[in-house]
């Protein structure tokens, strides 16, 4: 057994050796700075490098963000930062974005960043930029923007204005005529195009959705002009027909002991009536 004084001397010797090795300069006279391996470096350093790549290629920034997000193992904070940077870079290049690239930007705002107001704002801004870039005789271009205003923003007024501009450029533009009458519910009078006075059915029909009960449908669009029923095993099917406007009917399915529910809504176009 080693006695206590000897143990103390051994510890002193070991401490002296370690101190000497630590203080001795390297052979080349330079002390190396410790660098952690890439995987151990702070995430902020890695994200900063990725953001520099995105800034150098702004139109590809969402592709870069998606590529790197796959490597982040569900780190929501880091992923959100990357997509916020991509959104900022692409919005700065809005005039250069294709419709597909704009869709990436809108989805990033609405879904990843949880900001639907910014998603709608960037759509409206992109449409205004595109409208300013239209040539004076570009009727089809105006119709395309009218469709997007209606589809994306449910902006009936802007869509109708662009359709009427398309008409002034191309007087026999049947596609613009069809959109004004059938989709935007406008009618032409001696004073020009104006919104059609809608019936209760027309105002409420767009809100009738699959799965609604018959009571909910009655509240929205009123009683049908005619009802037909087909009795099946432990259930029945009903069709409600409306005449104002004509060509509208709704299919219901009802199981025994349950409310009848909408399974389909049908509406003929004006030219089919």
Protein backbone atom coordinates (compact mmCIF):
# COMPACT_ATOMS: atom_id res chain seq x y z
CA UNK A 1 0.00 0.00 0.00
CA UNK A 2 1.32 3.47 -0.95
CA UNK A 3 1.50 5.77 2.06
CA UNK A 4 -0.04 9.25 2.06
CA UNK A 5 3.21 11.29 1.69
CA UNK A 6 4.21 9.30 -1.42
CA UNK A 7 0.73 9.78 -2.94
CA UNK A 8 1.04 13.51 -2.42
CA UNK A 9 4.45 13.65 -4.12
CA UNK A 10 3.17 11.63 -7.12
CA UNK A 11 0.22 14.00 -7.57
CA UNK A 12 2.57 17.01 -7.47
CA UNK A 13 4.81 15.46 -10.15
CA UNK A 14 1.86 14.70 -12.43
CA UNK A 15 0.50 18.23 -12.08
CA UNK A 16 3.91 19.69 -12.94
CA UNK A 17 4.19 17.52 -16.08
CA UNK A 18 0.70 18.52 -17.31
CA UNK A 19 1.41 22.21 -16.68
CA UNK A 20 4.69 22.01 -18.59
CA UNK A 21 3.05 20.31 -21.58
CA UNK A 22 0.21 22.85 -21.65
CA UNK A 23 2.53 25.88 -21.56
CA UNK A 24 5.08 24.57 -24.06
CA UNK A 25 4.72 26.28 -27.50
CA UNK A 26 4.24 24.05 -30.58
CA UNK A 27 7.20 23.38 -32.84
CA UNK A 28 6.10 26.00 -35.40
CA UNK A 29 5.62 28.67 -32.72
CA UNK A 30 1.85 29.05 -33.36
CA UNK A 31 -0.98 27.98 -31.11
CA UNK A 32 -3.89 26.28 -32.91
CA UNK A 33 -7.42 27.56 -32.31
CA UNK A 34 -9.93 24.86 -31.52
CA UNK A 35 -12.56 24.44 -34.21
CA UNK A 36 -15.54 22.19 -33.48
CA UNK A 37 -16.52 19.79 -36.24
CA UNK A 38 -19.13 21.12 -38.67
CA UNK A 39 -21.90 19.04 -37.10
CA UNK A 40 -21.11 20.55 -33.67
CA UNK A 41 -21.02 24.21 -34.75
CA UNK A 42 -23.91 26.43 -33.68
CA UNK A 43 -27.00 26.17 -35.92
CA UNK A 44 -27.02 29.94 -36.39
CA UNK A 45 -23.72 29.63 -38.28
CA UNK A 46 -25.18 26.99 -40.59
CA UNK A 47 -28.36 28.98 -41.19
CA UNK A 48 -26.34 32.10 -41.93
CA UNK A 49 -24.46 30.20 -44.64
CA UNK A 50 -27.72 28.90 -46.11
CA UNK A 51 -29.21 32.40 -46.10
CA UNK A 52 -26.20 33.71 -48.03
CA UNK A 53 -26.81 31.04 -50.67
CA UNK A 54 -30.48 32.04 -50.83
CA UNK A 55 -29.58 35.72 -51.21
CA UNK A 56 -27.30 34.82 -54.12
CA UNK A 57 -30.13 32.87 -55.80
CA UNK A 58 -33.39 34.56 -54.66
CA UNK A 59 -35.64 32.92 -57.25
CA UNK A 60 -34.50 29.50 -55.99
CA UNK A 61 -34.76 30.40 -52.32
CA UNK A 62 -37.74 28.15 -51.56
CA UNK A 63 -36.09 25.18 -53.25
CA UNK A 64 -33.02 25.80 -51.06
CA UNK A 65 -35.20 26.20 -47.94
CA UNK A 66 -37.00 22.91 -48.64
CA UNK A 67 -33.70 21.12 -49.27
CA UNK A 68 -32.21 22.28 -45.99
CA UNK A 69 -35.43 21.79 -43.99
CA UNK A 70 -35.22 18.06 -44.70
CA UNK A 71 -31.88 17.98 -42.84
CA UNK A 72 -33.08 19.83 -39.75
CA UNK A 73 -34.94 17.02 -38.05
CA UNK A 74 -38.13 18.93 -37.30
CA UNK A 75 -36.47 22.04 -35.82
CA UNK A 76 -39.48 24.32 -36.33
CA UNK A 77 -37.69 27.51 -35.28
CA UNK A 78 -34.85 27.04 -37.77
CA UNK A 79 -37.20 25.95 -40.57
CA UNK A 80 -39.48 28.92 -39.98
CA UNK A 81 -36.49 31.28 -40.12
CA UNK A 82 -35.40 29.81 -43.46
CA UNK A 83 -38.87 30.13 -45.01
CA UNK A 84 -39.28 33.67 -43.66
CA UNK A 85 -35.99 34.60 -45.35
CA UNK A 86 -37.07 32.93 -48.60
CA UNK A 87 -40.40 34.81 -48.49
CA UNK A 88 -38.66 38.15 -47.96
CA UNK A 89 -36.22 37.52 -50.82
CA UNK A 90 -38.90 36.42 -53.27
CA UNK A 91 -41.29 39.22 -52.39
CA UNK A 92 -38.47 41.65 -53.25
CA UNK A 93 -38.41 40.05 -56.73
CA UNK A 94 -42.18 39.85 -57.11
CA UNK A 95 -42.26 41.16 -60.68
CA UNK A 96 -40.03 38.26 -61.80
CA UNK A 97 -42.02 35.47 -60.17
CA UNK A 98 -43.93 32.98 -62.27
CA UNK A 99 -47.39 31.87 -61.16
CA UNK A 100 -45.85 28.66 -59.79
CA UNK A 101 -43.22 30.58 -57.80
CA UNK A 102 -45.91 32.89 -56.46
CA UNK A 103 -47.83 29.83 -55.29
CA UNK A 104 -44.73 28.75 -53.29
CA UNK A 105 -44.61 32.19 -51.69
CA UNK A 106 -48.33 32.19 -50.85
CA UNK A 107 -48.16 28.69 -49.34
CA UNK A 108 -45.15 29.68 -47.25
CA UNK A 109 -46.99 32.67 -45.79
CA UNK A 110 -50.30 30.84 -45.29
CA UNK A 111 -49.02 27.50 -44.01
CA UNK A 112 -45.41 27.52 -42.83
CA UNK A 113 -45.45 31.04 -41.39
CA UNK A 114 -49.13 31.06 -40.39
CA UNK A 115 -49.80 34.48 -41.94
CA UNK A 116 -52.81 34.25 -44.31
CA UNK A 117 -53.18 38.05 -44.49
CA UNK A 118 -49.70 38.37 -45.99
CA UNK A 119 -50.51 35.51 -48.36
CA UNK A 120 -53.54 37.40 -49.69
CA UNK A 121 -51.65 40.70 -49.81
CA UNK A 122 -48.83 39.24 -51.90
CA UNK A 123 -51.34 37.71 -54.35
CA UNK A 124 -53.05 41.07 -54.80
CA UNK A 125 -49.71 42.85 -55.20
CA UNK A 126 -48.54 40.33 -57.82
CA UNK A 127 -51.78 40.74 -59.77
CA UNK A 128 -51.40 44.54 -59.78
CA UNK A 129 -47.81 44.21 -61.01
CA UNK A 130 -48.94 41.88 -63.80
CA UNK A 131 -51.80 44.17 -64.76
CA UNK A 132 -49.45 47.14 -65.14
CA UNK A 133 -47.27 45.05 -67.44
CA UNK A 134 -50.14 44.20 -69.83
CA UNK A 135 -49.94 45.51 -73.37
CA UNK A 136 -52.75 47.81 -74.54
CA UNK A 137 -54.17 45.13 -76.88
CA UNK A 138 -53.76 42.11 -74.59
CA UNK A 139 -57.33 40.88 -74.19
CA UNK A 140 -56.43 37.28 -73.23
CA UNK A 141 -53.99 38.57 -70.62
CA UNK A 142 -56.75 40.64 -69.02
CA UNK A 143 -59.09 37.65 -69.00
CA UNK A 144 -56.42 35.49 -67.33
CA UNK A 145 -55.95 38.05 -64.56
CA UNK A 146 -59.73 38.33 -64.16
CA UNK A 147 -59.87 34.57 -63.59
CA UNK A 148 -57.11 34.76 -60.99
CA UNK A 149 -58.76 37.69 -59.14
CA UNK A 150 -61.95 35.63 -58.97
CA UNK A 151 -60.26 32.31 -58.12
CA UNK A 152 -57.72 33.55 -55.56
CA UNK A 153 -59.42 36.52 -53.93
CA UNK A 154 -63.13 36.17 -54.80
CA UNK A 155 -62.78 39.76 -56.04
CA UNK A 156 -65.81 40.03 -58.29
CA UNK A 157 -65.41 43.76 -59.01
CA UNK A 158 -61.78 43.54 -60.19
CA UNK A 159 -62.54 40.43 -62.25
CA UNK A 160 -65.52 42.14 -63.94
CA UNK A 161 -63.49 45.27 -64.66
CA UNK A 162 -60.76 43.26 -66.39
CA UNK A 163 -63.31 41.25 -68.39
CA UNK A 164 -64.89 44.47 -69.64
CA UNK A 165 -61.45 45.83 -70.55
CA UNK A 166 -60.82 42.61 -72.48
CA UNK A 167 -64.09 43.23 -74.35
CA UNK A 168 -63.01 46.72 -75.34
CA UNK A 169 -59.80 45.27 -76.78
CA UNK A 170 -61.46 42.22 -78.41
CA UNK A 171 -65.18 43.07 -78.99
CA UNK A 172 -66.21 39.49 -79.86
CA UNK A 173 -64.34 37.85 -76.98
CA UNK A 174 -66.76 35.01 -76.13
CA UNK A 175 -64.68 33.73 -73.18
CA UNK A 176 -64.93 37.12 -71.47
CA UNK A 177 -68.68 37.23 -72.18
CA UNK A 178 -69.11 33.76 -70.67
CA UNK A 179 -67.15 34.65 -67.54
CA UNK A 180 -69.14 37.84 -66.98
CA UNK A 181 -72.50 36.11 -67.37
CA UNK A 182 -71.92 32.69 -65.81
CA UNK A 183 -69.20 33.13 -63.19
CA UNK A 184 -69.52 36.78 -62.16
CA UNK A 185 -73.30 36.97 -62.68
CA UNK A 186 -73.28 40.18 -64.71
CA UNK A 187 -75.77 41.13 -67.40
CA UNK A 188 -75.55 43.50 -70.34
CA UNK A 189 -77.99 46.38 -70.64
CA UNK A 190 -78.26 49.58 -72.63
CA UNK A 191 -76.03 51.16 -69.96
CA UNK A 192 -73.37 48.48 -70.32
CA UNK A 193 -72.44 45.57 -68.08
CA UNK A 194 -73.80 45.59 -64.53
CA UNK A 195 -74.16 43.09 -61.67
CA UNK A 196 -77.28 41.01 -62.03
CA UNK A 197 -79.86 41.28 -59.27
CA UNK A 198 -79.55 37.90 -57.60
CA UNK A 199 -82.36 35.79 -56.21
CA UNK A 200 -82.16 34.19 -52.77
CA UNK A 201 -81.12 30.99 -54.50
CA UNK A 202 -78.27 32.61 -56.42
CA UNK A 203 -76.98 34.41 -53.34
CA UNK A 204 -76.97 31.26 -51.23
CA UNK A 205 -76.15 28.52 -53.72
CA UNK A 206 -72.38 29.00 -53.52
CA UNK A 207 -72.57 28.38 -49.77
CA UNK A 208 -74.35 25.03 -50.07
CA UNK A 209 -71.73 22.38 -49.36
CA UNK A 210 -71.60 18.59 -49.29
CA UNK A 211 -72.59 17.27 -45.87
CA UNK A 212 -75.07 20.05 -45.01
CA UNK A 213 -78.44 19.00 -43.62
CA UNK A 214 -81.71 19.69 -45.44
CA UNK A 215 -82.61 22.22 -42.72
CA UNK A 216 -79.38 24.17 -43.38
CA UNK A 217 -80.09 24.20 -47.12
CA UNK A 218 -83.64 25.49 -46.55
CA UNK A 219 -82.25 28.32 -44.45
CA UNK A 220 -79.78 29.32 -47.17
CA UNK A 221 -81.84 29.07 -50.36
CA UNK A 222 -85.45 28.35 -49.41
CA UNK A 223 -87.89 25.65 -50.46
CA UNK A 224 -87.48 23.82 -53.77
CA UNK A 225 -90.09 23.99 -56.53
CA UNK A 226 -90.24 20.19 -56.74
CA UNK A 227 -88.94 17.17 -54.79
CA UNK A 228 -88.43 13.62 -56.02
CA UNK A 229 -87.61 10.69 -53.72
CA UNK A 230 -86.18 7.23 -54.33
CA UNK A 231 -86.69 4.74 -51.48
CA UNK A 232 -83.83 2.29 -50.92
CA UNK A 233 -83.01 -0.27 -48.23
CA UNK A 234 -82.93 1.53 -44.84
CA UNK A 235 -82.41 4.89 -46.58
CA UNK A 236 -83.71 7.13 -49.33
CA UNK A 237 -82.39 9.59 -51.90
CA UNK A 238 -84.00 12.97 -52.59
CA UNK A 239 -83.55 15.52 -55.34
CA UNK A 240 -84.63 19.12 -54.80
CA UNK A 241 -85.28 21.07 -58.02
CA UNK A 242 -85.28 24.88 -58.23
CA UNK A 243 -86.65 27.06 -61.03
CA UNK A 244 -85.17 30.51 -60.33
CA UNK A 245 -82.82 30.20 -62.06
CA UNK A 246 -83.73 26.96 -63.78
CA UNK A 247 -81.27 24.09 -64.05
CA UNK A 248 -80.42 23.86 -60.34
CA UNK A 249 -80.94 20.71 -58.28
CA UNK A 250 -79.47 19.23 -55.11
CA UNK A 251 -79.04 15.55 -54.22
CA UNK A 252 -79.60 14.38 -50.63
CA UNK A 253 -78.90 11.04 -48.99
CA UNK A 254 -80.75 10.02 -45.83
CA UNK A 255 -80.19 6.97 -43.65
CA UNK A 256 -82.93 5.79 -41.34
CA UNK A 257 -83.04 7.86 -38.16
CA UNK A 258 -80.64 10.52 -39.49
CA UNK A 259 -80.98 13.94 -41.15
CA UNK A 260 -80.89 14.09 -44.93
CA UNK A 261 -77.51 15.44 -46.05
CA UNK A 262 -76.26 17.00 -49.29
CA UNK A 263 -74.20 14.69 -51.50
CA UNK A 264 -74.10 16.82 -54.69
CA UNK A 265 -75.07 20.25 -56.04
CA UNK A 266 -75.83 20.65 -59.76
CA UNK A 267 -76.11 23.85 -61.77
CA UNK A 268 -76.41 24.03 -65.54
CA UNK A 269 -74.60 26.83 -67.34
CA UNK A 270 -76.74 29.47 -68.99
CA UNK A 271 -76.09 28.09 -72.49
CA UNK A 272 -77.21 24.60 -71.40
CA UNK A 273 -80.57 25.69 -69.99
